[in-house]
Amino acid sequence: MKRGPGTNGIKLDEGIMLLRASKDKVAAFNKIRNANVLAEKLFNLEISKYPELIEMEESNKKYDEIYTIYDEYNKKIKEFSLMSWSKLDASLLL
């Protein structure tokens, strides 16, 4: 979480890559958690809580919204930069 997509001072493009890596890590940790929960149930043990993992998942959801908006903005800018001025409908800009 100290080097993830919400770290201060990172650029948005870098944050997108960090978010993808964070989502991959969460998925891997969830597989391990699920295996541990099954083993705990098998041996009738108390089910472990994973508050850091839950916090990481919630943070990723928030960052995903932010980075999705940024990514869509970049795609629109690229689309507009490739658009021919003759095809531009100025009435849509108002």
PDB file of N, CA and C in Angstrom:
ATOM      1  N   MET A   1       0.822  -1.192   0.000  1.00  0.00           N
ATOM      2  CA  MET A   1       0.000   0.000   0.000  1.00  0.00           C
ATOM      3  C   MET A   1       0.870   1.262   0.000  1.00  0.00           C
ATOM      4  N   LYS A   2       2.113   1.135   0.458  1.00  0.00           N
ATOM      5  CA  LYS A   2       3.015   2.282   0.470  1.00  0.00           C
ATOM      6  C   LYS A   2       3.546   2.607  -0.916  1.00  0.00           C
ATOM      7  N   ARG A   3       3.540   1.624  -1.810  1.00  0.00           N
ATOM      8  CA  ARG A   3       4.050   1.840  -3.168  1.00  0.00           C
ATOM      9  C   ARG A   3       2.978   1.537  -4.211  1.00  0.00           C
ATOM     10  N   GLY A   4       1.724   1.723  -3.844  1.00  0.00           N
ATOM     11  CA  GLY A   4       0.615   1.383  -4.726  1.00  0.00           C
ATOM     12  C   GLY A   4       0.100   2.563  -5.522  1.00  0.00           C
ATOM     13  N   PRO A   5      -1.084   2.401  -6.091  1.00  0.00           N
ATOM     14  CA  PRO A   5      -1.642   3.428  -6.979  1.00  0.00           C
ATOM     15  C   PRO A   5      -2.039   4.717  -6.272  1.00  0.00           C
ATOM     16  N   GLY A   6      -2.106   4.719  -4.957  1.00  0.00           N
ATOM     17  CA  GLY A   6      -2.481   5.924  -4.227  1.00  0.00           C
ATOM     18  C   GLY A   6      -1.306   6.654  -3.613  1.00  0.00           C
ATOM     19  N   THR A   7      -0.108   6.272  -3.977  1.00  0.00           N
ATOM     20  CA  THR A   7       1.086   6.886  -3.431  1.00  0.00           C
ATOM     21  C   THR A   7       1.197   8.337  -3.868  1.00  0.00           C
ATOM     22  N   ASN A   8       1.607   9.193  -2.953  1.00  0.00           N
ATOM     23  CA  ASN A   8       1.797  10.602  -3.288  1.00  0.00           C
ATOM     24  C   ASN A   8       2.956  10.774  -4.268  1.00  0.00           C
ATOM     25  N   GLY A   9       2.781  11.701  -5.184  1.00  0.00           N
ATOM     26  CA  GLY A   9       3.864  12.070  -6.080  1.00  0.00           C
ATOM     27  C   GLY A   9       4.012  11.227  -7.333  1.00  0.00           C
ATOM     28  N   ILE A  10       3.109  10.279  -7.569  1.00  0.00           N
ATOM     29  CA  ILE A  10       3.225   9.499  -8.800  1.00  0.00           C
ATOM     30  C   ILE A  10       2.403  10.157  -9.894  1.00  0.00           C
ATOM     31  N   LYS A  11       2.798   9.899 -11.117  1.00  0.00           N
ATOM     32  CA  LYS A  11       2.051  10.416 -12.258  1.00  0.00           C
ATOM     33  C   LYS A  11       0.873   9.485 -12.527  1.00  0.00           C
ATOM     34  N   LEU A  12      -0.159  10.028 -13.172  1.00  0.00           N
ATOM     35  CA  LEU A  12      -1.372   9.246 -13.407  1.00  0.00           C
ATOM     36  C   LEU A  12      -1.106   8.030 -14.291  1.00  0.00           C
ATOM     37  N   ASP A  13      -0.252   8.178 -15.289  1.00  0.00           N
ATOM     38  CA  ASP A  13       0.064   7.026 -16.149  1.00  0.00           C
ATOM     39  C   ASP A  13       0.743   5.918 -15.348  1.00  0.00           C
ATOM     40  N   GLU A  14       1.619   6.316 -14.442  1.00  0.00           N
ATOM     41  CA  GLU A  14       2.280   5.340 -13.582  1.00  0.00           C
ATOM     42  C   GLU A  14       1.270   4.708 -12.629  1.00  0.00           C
ATOM     43  N   GLY A  15       0.311   5.508 -12.164  1.00  0.00           N
ATOM     44  CA  GLY A  15      -0.717   5.002 -11.265  1.00  0.00           C
ATOM     45  C   GLY A  15      -1.564   3.923 -11.903  1.00  0.00           C
ATOM     46  N   ILE A  16      -1.834   4.067 -13.197  1.00  0.00           N
ATOM     47  CA  ILE A  16      -2.609   3.045 -13.913  1.00  0.00           C
ATOM     48  C   ILE A  16      -1.873   1.711 -13.880  1.00  0.00           C
ATOM     49  N   MET A  17      -0.574   1.746 -14.121  1.00  0.00           N
ATOM     50  CA  MET A  17       0.214   0.504 -14.091  1.00  0.00           C
ATOM     51  C   MET A  17       0.274  -0.067 -12.672  1.00  0.00           C
ATOM     52  N   LEU A  18       0.425   0.814 -11.686  1.00  0.00           N
ATOM     53  CA  LEU A  18       0.464   0.348 -10.301  1.00  0.00           C
ATOM     54  C   LEU A  18      -0.872  -0.255  -9.876  1.00  0.00           C
ATOM     55  N   LEU A  19      -1.970   0.306 -10.378  1.00  0.00           N
ATOM     56  CA  LEU A  19      -3.283  -0.241 -10.064  1.00  0.00           C
ATOM     57  C   LEU A  19      -3.442  -1.640 -10.648  1.00  0.00           C
ATOM     58  N   ARG A  20      -3.004  -1.822 -11.869  1.00  0.00           N
ATOM     59  CA  ARG A  20      -3.070  -3.170 -12.475  1.00  0.00           C
ATOM     60  C   ARG A  20      -2.270  -4.166 -11.653  1.00  0.00           C
ATOM     61  N   ALA A  21      -1.059  -3.767 -11.242  1.00  0.00           N
ATOM     62  CA  ALA A  21      -0.217  -4.656 -10.433  1.00  0.00           C
ATOM     63  C   ALA A  21      -0.873  -4.932  -9.084  1.00  0.00           C
ATOM     64  N   SER A  22      -1.484  -3.924  -8.505  1.00  0.00           N
ATOM     65  CA  SER A  22      -2.162  -4.080  -7.219  1.00  0.00           C
ATOM     66  C   SER A  22      -3.345  -5.043  -7.336  1.00  0.00           C
ATOM     67  N   LYS A  23      -4.101  -4.928  -8.424  1.00  0.00           N
ATOM     68  CA  LYS A  23      -5.226  -5.843  -8.638  1.00  0.00           C
ATOM     69  C   LYS A  23      -4.736  -7.281  -8.785  1.00  0.00           C
ATOM     70  N   ASP A  24      -3.620  -7.466  -9.470  1.00  0.00           N
ATOM     71  CA  ASP A  24      -3.050  -8.804  -9.620  1.00  0.00           C
ATOM     72  C   ASP A  24      -2.618  -9.365  -8.268  1.00  0.00           C
ATOM     73  N   LYS A  25      -1.999  -8.522  -7.434  1.00  0.00           N
ATOM     74  CA  LYS A  25      -1.572  -8.970  -6.108  1.00  0.00           C
ATOM     75  C   LYS A  25      -2.774  -9.342  -5.247  1.00  0.00           C
ATOM     76  N   VAL A  26      -3.823  -8.527  -5.304  1.00  0.00           N
ATOM     77  CA  VAL A  26      -5.021  -8.813  -4.528  1.00  0.00           C
ATOM     78  C   VAL A  26      -5.625 -10.145  -4.965  1.00  0.00           C
ATOM     79  N   ALA A  27      -5.649 -10.391  -6.266  1.00  0.00           N
ATOM     80  CA  ALA A  27      -6.187 -11.663  -6.764  1.00  0.00           C
ATOM     81  C   ALA A  27      -5.364 -12.842  -6.244  1.00  0.00           C
ATOM     82  N   ALA A  28      -4.039 -12.696  -6.241  1.00  0.00           N
ATOM     83  CA  ALA A  28      -3.177 -13.761  -5.734  1.00  0.00           C
ATOM     84  C   ALA A  28      -3.386 -13.966  -4.235  1.00  0.00           C
ATOM     85  N   PHE A  29      -3.487 -12.869  -3.491  1.00  0.00           N
ATOM     86  CA  PHE A  29      -3.724 -12.979  -2.048  1.00  0.00           C
ATOM     87  C   PHE A  29      -5.096 -13.585  -1.752  1.00  0.00           C
ATOM     88  N   ASN A  30      -6.085 -13.283  -2.581  1.00  0.00           N
ATOM     89  CA  ASN A  30      -7.419 -13.862  -2.384  1.00  0.00           C
ATOM     90  C   ASN A  30      -7.413 -15.362  -2.596  1.00  0.00           C
ATOM     91  N   LYS A  31      -6.612 -15.852  -3.547  1.00  0.00           N
ATOM     92  CA  LYS A  31      -6.500 -17.308  -3.743  1.00  0.00           C
ATOM     93  C   LYS A  31      -5.919 -17.965  -2.499  1.00  0.00           C
ATOM     94  N   ILE A  32      -4.887 -17.330  -1.949  1.00  0.00           N
ATOM     95  CA  ILE A  32      -4.264 -17.869  -0.731  1.00  0.00           C
ATOM     96  C   ILE A  32      -5.258 -17.811   0.424  1.00  0.00           C
ATOM     97  N   ARG A  33      -5.974 -16.686   0.548  1.00  0.00           N
ATOM     98  CA  ARG A  33      -6.959 -16.539   1.619  1.00  0.00           C
ATOM     99  C   ARG A  33      -8.037 -17.616   1.509  1.00  0.00           C
ATOM    100  N   ASN A  34      -8.528 -17.847   0.287  1.00  0.00           N
ATOM    101  CA  ASN A  34      -9.571 -18.864   0.095  1.00  0.00           C
ATOM    102  C   ASN A  34      -9.069 -20.246   0.485  1.00  0.00           C
ATOM    103  N   ALA A  35      -7.830 -20.555   0.143  1.00  0.00           N
ATOM    104  CA  ALA A  35      -7.262 -21.849   0.531  1.00  0.00           C
ATOM    105  C   ALA A  35      -7.148 -21.947   2.051  1.00  0.00           C
ATOM    106  N   ASN A  36      -6.735 -20.855   2.685  1.00  0.00           N
ATOM    107  CA  ASN A  36      -6.624 -20.859   4.148  1.00  0.00           C
ATOM    108  C   ASN A  36      -7.985 -21.012   4.817  1.00  0.00           C
ATOM    109  N   VAL A  37      -8.995 -20.344   4.292  1.00  0.00           N
ATOM    110  CA  VAL A  37     -10.343 -20.435   4.852  1.00  0.00           C
ATOM    111  C   VAL A  37     -10.862 -21.867   4.734  1.00  0.00           C
ATOM    112  N   LEU A  38     -10.625 -22.494   3.602  1.00  0.00           N
ATOM    113  CA  LEU A  38     -11.061 -23.892   3.445  1.00  0.00           C
ATOM    114  C   LEU A  38     -10.365 -24.808   4.448  1.00  0.00           C
ATOM    115  N   ALA A  39      -9.070 -24.591   4.661  1.00  0.00           N
ATOM    116  CA  ALA A  39      -8.328 -25.401   5.622  1.00  0.00           C
ATOM    117  C   ALA A  39      -8.827 -25.139   7.041  1.00  0.00           C
ATOM    118  N   GLU A  40      -9.127 -23.884   7.358  1.00  0.00           N
ATOM    119  CA  GLU A  40      -9.640 -23.557   8.692  1.00  0.00           C
ATOM    120  C   GLU A  40     -11.006 -24.192   8.924  1.00  0.00           C
ATOM    121  N   LYS A  41     -11.836 -24.212   7.907  1.00  0.00           N
ATOM    122  CA  LYS A  41     -13.145 -24.862   8.028  1.00  0.00           C
ATOM    123  C   LYS A  41     -12.983 -26.365   8.196  1.00  0.00           C
ATOM    124  N   LEU A  42     -12.055 -26.936   7.443  1.00  0.00           N
ATOM    125  CA  LEU A  42     -11.816 -28.372   7.506  1.00  0.00           C
ATOM    126  C   LEU A  42     -11.436 -28.817   8.911  1.00  0.00           C
ATOM    127  N   PHE A  43     -10.584 -28.019   9.565  1.00  0.00           N
ATOM    128  CA  PHE A  43     -10.117 -28.374  10.901  1.00  0.00           C
ATOM    129  C   PHE A  43     -10.912 -27.671  12.005  1.00  0.00           C
ATOM    130  N   ASN A  44     -12.051 -27.088  11.613  1.00  0.00           N
ATOM    131  CA  ASN A  44     -12.958 -26.437  12.562  1.00  0.00           C
ATOM    132  C   ASN A  44     -12.240 -25.374  13.401  1.00  0.00           C
ATOM    133  N   LEU A  45     -11.423 -24.581  12.725  1.00  0.00           N
ATOM    134  CA  LEU A  45     -10.710 -23.489  13.382  1.00  0.00           C
ATOM    135  C   LEU A  45     -11.453 -22.181  13.153  1.00  0.00           C
ATOM    136  N   GLU A  46     -11.097 -21.188  13.945  1.00  0.00           N
ATOM    137  CA  GLU A  46     -11.686 -19.863  13.754  1.00  0.00           C
ATOM    138  C   GLU A  46     -11.197 -19.292  12.422  1.00  0.00           C
ATOM    139  N   ILE A  47     -12.138 -18.734  11.669  1.00  0.00           N
ATOM    140  CA  ILE A  47     -11.811 -18.185  10.349  1.00  0.00           C
ATOM    141  C   ILE A  47     -11.020 -16.898  10.532  1.00  0.00           C
ATOM    142  N   SER A  48      -9.876 -16.821   9.879  1.00  0.00           N
ATOM    143  CA  SER A  48      -9.012 -15.643   9.974  1.00  0.00           C
ATOM    144  C   SER A  48      -9.612 -14.460   9.238  1.00  0.00           C
ATOM    145  N   LYS A  49      -9.377 -13.301   9.791  1.00  0.00           N
ATOM    146  CA  LYS A  49      -9.790 -12.051   9.150  1.00  0.00           C
ATOM    147  C   LYS A  49      -8.578 -11.494   8.400  1.00  0.00           C
ATOM    148  N   TYR A  50      -8.842 -10.825   7.327  1.00  0.00           N
ATOM    149  CA  TYR A  50      -7.775 -10.230   6.523  1.00  0.00           C
ATOM    150  C   TYR A  50      -8.099  -8.753   6.297  1.00  0.00           C
ATOM    151  N   PRO A  51      -7.976  -7.921   7.339  1.00  0.00           N
ATOM    152  CA  PRO A  51      -8.383  -6.519   7.201  1.00  0.00           C
ATOM    153  C   PRO A  51      -7.536  -5.727   6.195  1.00  0.00           C
ATOM    154  N   GLU A  52      -6.250  -6.043   6.107  1.00  0.00           N
ATOM    155  CA  GLU A  52      -5.397  -5.331   5.158  1.00  0.00           C
ATOM    156  C   GLU A  52      -5.799  -5.636   3.722  1.00  0.00           C
ATOM    157  N   LEU A  53      -6.165  -6.883   3.477  1.00  0.00           N
ATOM    158  CA  LEU A  53      -6.580  -7.277   2.139  1.00  0.00           C
ATOM    159  C   LEU A  53      -7.903  -6.602   1.774  1.00  0.00           C
ATOM    160  N   ILE A  54      -8.816  -6.543   2.716  1.00  0.00           N
ATOM    161  CA  ILE A  54     -10.098  -5.881   2.477  1.00  0.00           C
ATOM    162  C   ILE A  54      -9.873  -4.390   2.217  1.00  0.00           C
ATOM    163  N   GLU A  55      -8.990  -3.785   3.008  1.00  0.00           N
ATOM    164  CA  GLU A  55      -8.676  -2.363   2.819  1.00  0.00           C
ATOM    165  C   GLU A  55      -8.047  -2.120   1.447  1.00  0.00           C
ATOM    166  N   MET A  56      -7.182  -3.024   1.032  1.00  0.00           N
ATOM    167  CA  MET A  56      -6.533  -2.904  -0.273  1.00  0.00           C
ATOM    168  C   MET A  56      -7.561  -3.025  -1.400  1.00  0.00           C
ATOM    169  N   GLU A  57      -8.508  -3.939  -1.266  1.00  0.00           N
ATOM    170  CA  GLU A  57      -9.553  -4.101  -2.279  1.00  0.00           C
ATOM    171  C   GLU A  57     -10.420  -2.845  -2.379  1.00  0.00           C
ATOM    172  N   GLU A  58     -10.784  -2.286  -1.236  1.00  0.00           N
ATOM    173  CA  GLU A  58     -11.607  -1.077  -1.226  1.00  0.00           C
ATOM    174  C   GLU A  58     -10.857   0.107  -1.829  1.00  0.00           C
ATOM    175  N   SER A  59      -9.585   0.223  -1.507  1.00  0.00           N
ATOM    176  CA  SER A  59      -8.770   1.293  -2.088  1.00  0.00           C
ATOM    177  C   SER A  59      -8.669   1.138  -3.596  1.00  0.00           C
ATOM    178  N   ASN A  60      -8.485  -0.087  -4.042  1.00  0.00           N
ATOM    179  CA  ASN A  60      -8.386  -0.330  -5.485  1.00  0.00           C
ATOM    180  C   ASN A  60      -9.670   0.070  -6.208  1.00  0.00           C
ATOM    181  N   LYS A  61     -10.812  -0.158  -5.572  1.00  0.00           N
ATOM    182  CA  LYS A  61     -12.082   0.240  -6.194  1.00  0.00           C
ATOM    183  C   LYS A  61     -12.139   1.750  -6.376  1.00  0.00           C
ATOM    184  N   LYS A  62     -11.709   2.489  -5.360  1.00  0.00           N
ATOM    185  CA  LYS A  62     -11.710   3.946  -5.447  1.00  0.00           C
ATOM    186  C   LYS A  62     -10.734   4.432  -6.517  1.00  0.00           C
ATOM    187  N   TYR A  63      -9.535   3.871  -6.497  1.00  0.00           N
ATOM    188  CA  TYR A  63      -8.525   4.283  -7.475  1.00  0.00           C
ATOM    189  C   TYR A  63      -8.929   3.877  -8.881  1.00  0.00           C
ATOM    190  N   ASP A  64      -9.640   2.758  -8.991  1.00  0.00           N
ATOM    191  CA  ASP A  64     -10.086   2.304 -10.304  1.00  0.00           C
ATOM    192  C   ASP A  64     -11.019   3.332 -10.946  1.00  0.00           C
ATOM    193  N   GLU A  65     -11.898   3.910 -10.150  1.00  0.00           N
ATOM    194  CA  GLU A  65     -12.795   4.948 -10.677  1.00  0.00           C
ATOM    195  C   GLU A  65     -11.998   6.146 -11.189  1.00  0.00           C
ATOM    196  N   ILE A  66     -11.035   6.582 -10.401  1.00  0.00           N
ATOM    197  CA  ILE A  66     -10.222   7.743 -10.778  1.00  0.00           C
ATOM    198  C   ILE A  66      -9.427   7.457 -12.048  1.00  0.00           C
ATOM    199  N   TYR A  67      -8.738   6.341 -12.065  1.00  0.00           N
ATOM    200  CA  TYR A  67      -7.877   6.032 -13.204  1.00  0.00           C
ATOM    201  C   TYR A  67      -8.679   5.687 -14.455  1.00  0.00           C
ATOM    202  N   THR A  68      -9.885   5.161 -14.281  1.00  0.00           N
ATOM    203  CA  THR A  68     -10.749   4.904 -15.434  1.00  0.00           C
ATOM    204  C   THR A  68     -11.147   6.214 -16.096  1.00  0.00           C
ATOM    205  N   ILE A  69     -11.504   7.200 -15.287  1.00  0.00           N
ATOM    206  CA  ILE A  69     -11.846   8.523 -15.837  1.00  0.00           C
ATOM    207  C   ILE A  69     -10.650   9.111 -16.560  1.00  0.00           C
ATOM    208  N   TYR A  70      -9.486   9.035 -15.956  1.00  0.00           N
ATOM    209  CA  TYR A  70      -8.270   9.560 -16.585  1.00  0.00           C
ATOM    210  C   TYR A  70      -7.963   8.832 -17.892  1.00  0.00           C
ATOM    211  N   ASP A  71      -8.098   7.521 -17.895  1.00  0.00           N
ATOM    212  CA  ASP A  71      -7.813   6.733 -19.095  1.00  0.00           C
ATOM    213  C   ASP A  71      -8.793   7.078 -20.216  1.00  0.00           C
ATOM    214  N   GLU A  72     -10.073   7.228 -19.879  1.00  0.00           N
ATOM    215  CA  GLU A  72     -11.069   7.612 -20.883  1.00  0.00           C
ATOM    216  C   GLU A  72     -10.776   9.013 -21.424  1.00  0.00           C
ATOM    217  N   TYR A  73     -10.351   9.913 -20.554  1.00  0.00           N
ATOM    218  CA  TYR A  73      -9.976  11.263 -20.976  1.00  0.00           C
ATOM    219  C   TYR A  73      -8.823  11.207 -21.981  1.00  0.00           C
ATOM    220  N   ASN A  74      -7.810  10.410 -21.679  1.00  0.00           N
ATOM    221  CA  ASN A  74      -6.667  10.275 -22.598  1.00  0.00           C
ATOM    222  C   ASN A  74      -7.092   9.707 -23.943  1.00  0.00           C
ATOM    223  N   LYS A  75      -7.997   8.750 -23.922  1.00  0.00           N
ATOM    224  CA  LYS A  75      -8.482   8.167 -25.178  1.00  0.00           C
ATOM    225  C   LYS A  75      -9.235   9.212 -26.007  1.00  0.00           C
ATOM    226  N   LYS A  76     -10.047  10.024 -25.346  1.00  0.00           N
ATOM    227  CA  LYS A  76     -10.786  11.077 -26.059  1.00  0.00           C
ATOM    228  C   LYS A  76      -9.828  12.108 -26.638  1.00  0.00           C
ATOM    229  N   ILE A  77      -8.815  12.490 -25.885  1.00  0.00           N
ATOM    230  CA  ILE A  77      -7.824  13.456 -26.378  1.00  0.00           C
ATOM    231  C   ILE A  77      -7.136  12.898 -27.615  1.00  0.00           C
ATOM    232  N   LYS A  78      -6.774  11.627 -27.571  1.00  0.00           N
ATOM    233  CA  LYS A  78      -6.120  11.001 -28.714  1.00  0.00           C
ATOM    234  C   LYS A  78      -7.071  10.958 -29.913  1.00  0.00           C
ATOM    235  N   GLU A  79      -8.331  10.617 -29.637  1.00  0.00           N
ATOM    236  CA  GLU A  79      -9.340  10.566 -30.701  1.00  0.00           C
ATOM    237  C   GLU A  79      -9.527  11.944 -31.329  1.00  0.00           C
ATOM    238  N   PHE A  80      -9.629  12.973 -30.492  1.00  0.00           N
ATOM    239  CA  PHE A  80      -9.820  14.335 -31.001  1.00  0.00           C
ATOM    240  C   PHE A  80      -8.596  14.822 -31.763  1.00  0.00           C
ATOM    241  N   SER A  81      -7.413  14.418 -31.336  1.00  0.00           N
ATOM    242  CA  SER A  81      -6.205  14.877 -32.019  1.00  0.00           C
ATOM    243  C   SER A  81      -6.075  14.263 -33.415  1.00  0.00           C
ATOM    244  N   LEU A  82      -6.701  13.107 -33.612  1.00  0.00           N
ATOM    245  CA  LEU A  82      -6.649  12.454 -34.919  1.00  0.00           C
ATOM    246  C   LEU A  82      -7.806  12.859 -35.827  1.00  0.00           C
ATOM    247  N   MET A  83      -8.786  13.582 -35.258  1.00  0.00           N
ATOM    248  CA  MET A  83      -9.973  13.956 -36.004  1.00  0.00           C
ATOM    249  C   MET A  83      -9.649  15.072 -37.002  1.00  0.00           C
ATOM    250  N   SER A  84     -10.225  14.961 -38.159  1.00  0.00           N
ATOM    251  CA  SER A  84     -10.066  15.993 -39.181  1.00  0.00           C
ATOM    252  C   SER A  84     -10.924  17.198 -38.808  1.00  0.00           C
ATOM    253  N   TRP A  85     -10.368  18.388 -38.934  1.00  0.00           N
ATOM    254  CA  TRP A  85     -11.095  19.605 -38.588  1.00  0.00           C
ATOM    255  C   TRP A  85     -12.324  19.784 -39.482  1.00  0.00           C
ATOM    256  N   SER A  86     -12.272  19.257 -40.675  1.00  0.00           N
ATOM    257  CA  SER A  86     -13.418  19.411 -41.580  1.00  0.00           C
ATOM    258  C   SER A  86     -14.619  18.583 -41.109  1.00  0.00           C
ATOM    259  N   LYS A  87     -14.378  17.543 -40.298  1.00  0.00           N
ATOM    260  CA  LYS A  87     -15.475  16.711 -39.812  1.00  0.00           C
ATOM    261  C   LYS A  87     -15.999  17.185 -38.458  1.00  0.00           C
ATOM    262  N   LEU A  88     -15.399  18.233 -37.924  1.00  0.00           N
ATOM    263  CA  LEU A  88     -15.798  18.744 -36.612  1.00  0.00           C
ATOM    264  C   LEU A  88     -17.109  19.498 -36.712  1.00  0.00           C
ATOM    265  N   ASP A  89     -18.070  19.132 -35.873  1.00  0.00           N
ATOM    266  CA  ASP A  89     -19.349  19.831 -35.799  1.00  0.00           C
ATOM    267  C   ASP A  89     -19.285  20.789 -34.632  1.00  0.00           C
ATOM    268  N   ALA A  90     -19.096  22.070 -34.936  1.00  0.00           N
ATOM    269  CA  ALA A  90     -18.902  23.085 -33.903  1.00  0.00           C
ATOM    270  C   ALA A  90     -20.123  23.239 -33.010  1.00  0.00           C
ATOM    271  N   SER A  91     -21.301  22.915 -33.492  1.00  0.00           N
ATOM    272  CA  SER A  91     -22.511  23.051 -32.680  1.00  0.00           C
ATOM    273  C   SER A  91     -22.503  22.093 -31.499  1.00  0.00           C
ATOM    274  N   LEU A  92     -21.784  20.990 -31.605  1.00  0.00           N
ATOM    275  CA  LEU A  92     -21.699  20.019 -30.511  1.00  0.00           C
ATOM    276  C   LEU A  92     -20.802  20.525 -29.380  1.00  0.00           C
ATOM    277  N   LEU A  93     -19.964  21.491 -29.656  1.00  0.00           N
ATOM    278  CA  LEU A  93     -19.051  22.010 -28.649  1.00  0.00           C
ATOM    279  C   LEU A  93     -19.737  22.934 -27.659  1.00  0.00           C
ATOM    280  N   LEU A  94     -20.885  23.462 -28.037  1.00  0.00           N
ATOM    281  CA  LEU A  94     -21.579  24.410 -27.163  1.00  0.00           C
ATOM    282  C   LEU A  94     -22.413  23.730 -26.157  1.00  0.00           C
TER     283      LEU A  94
END
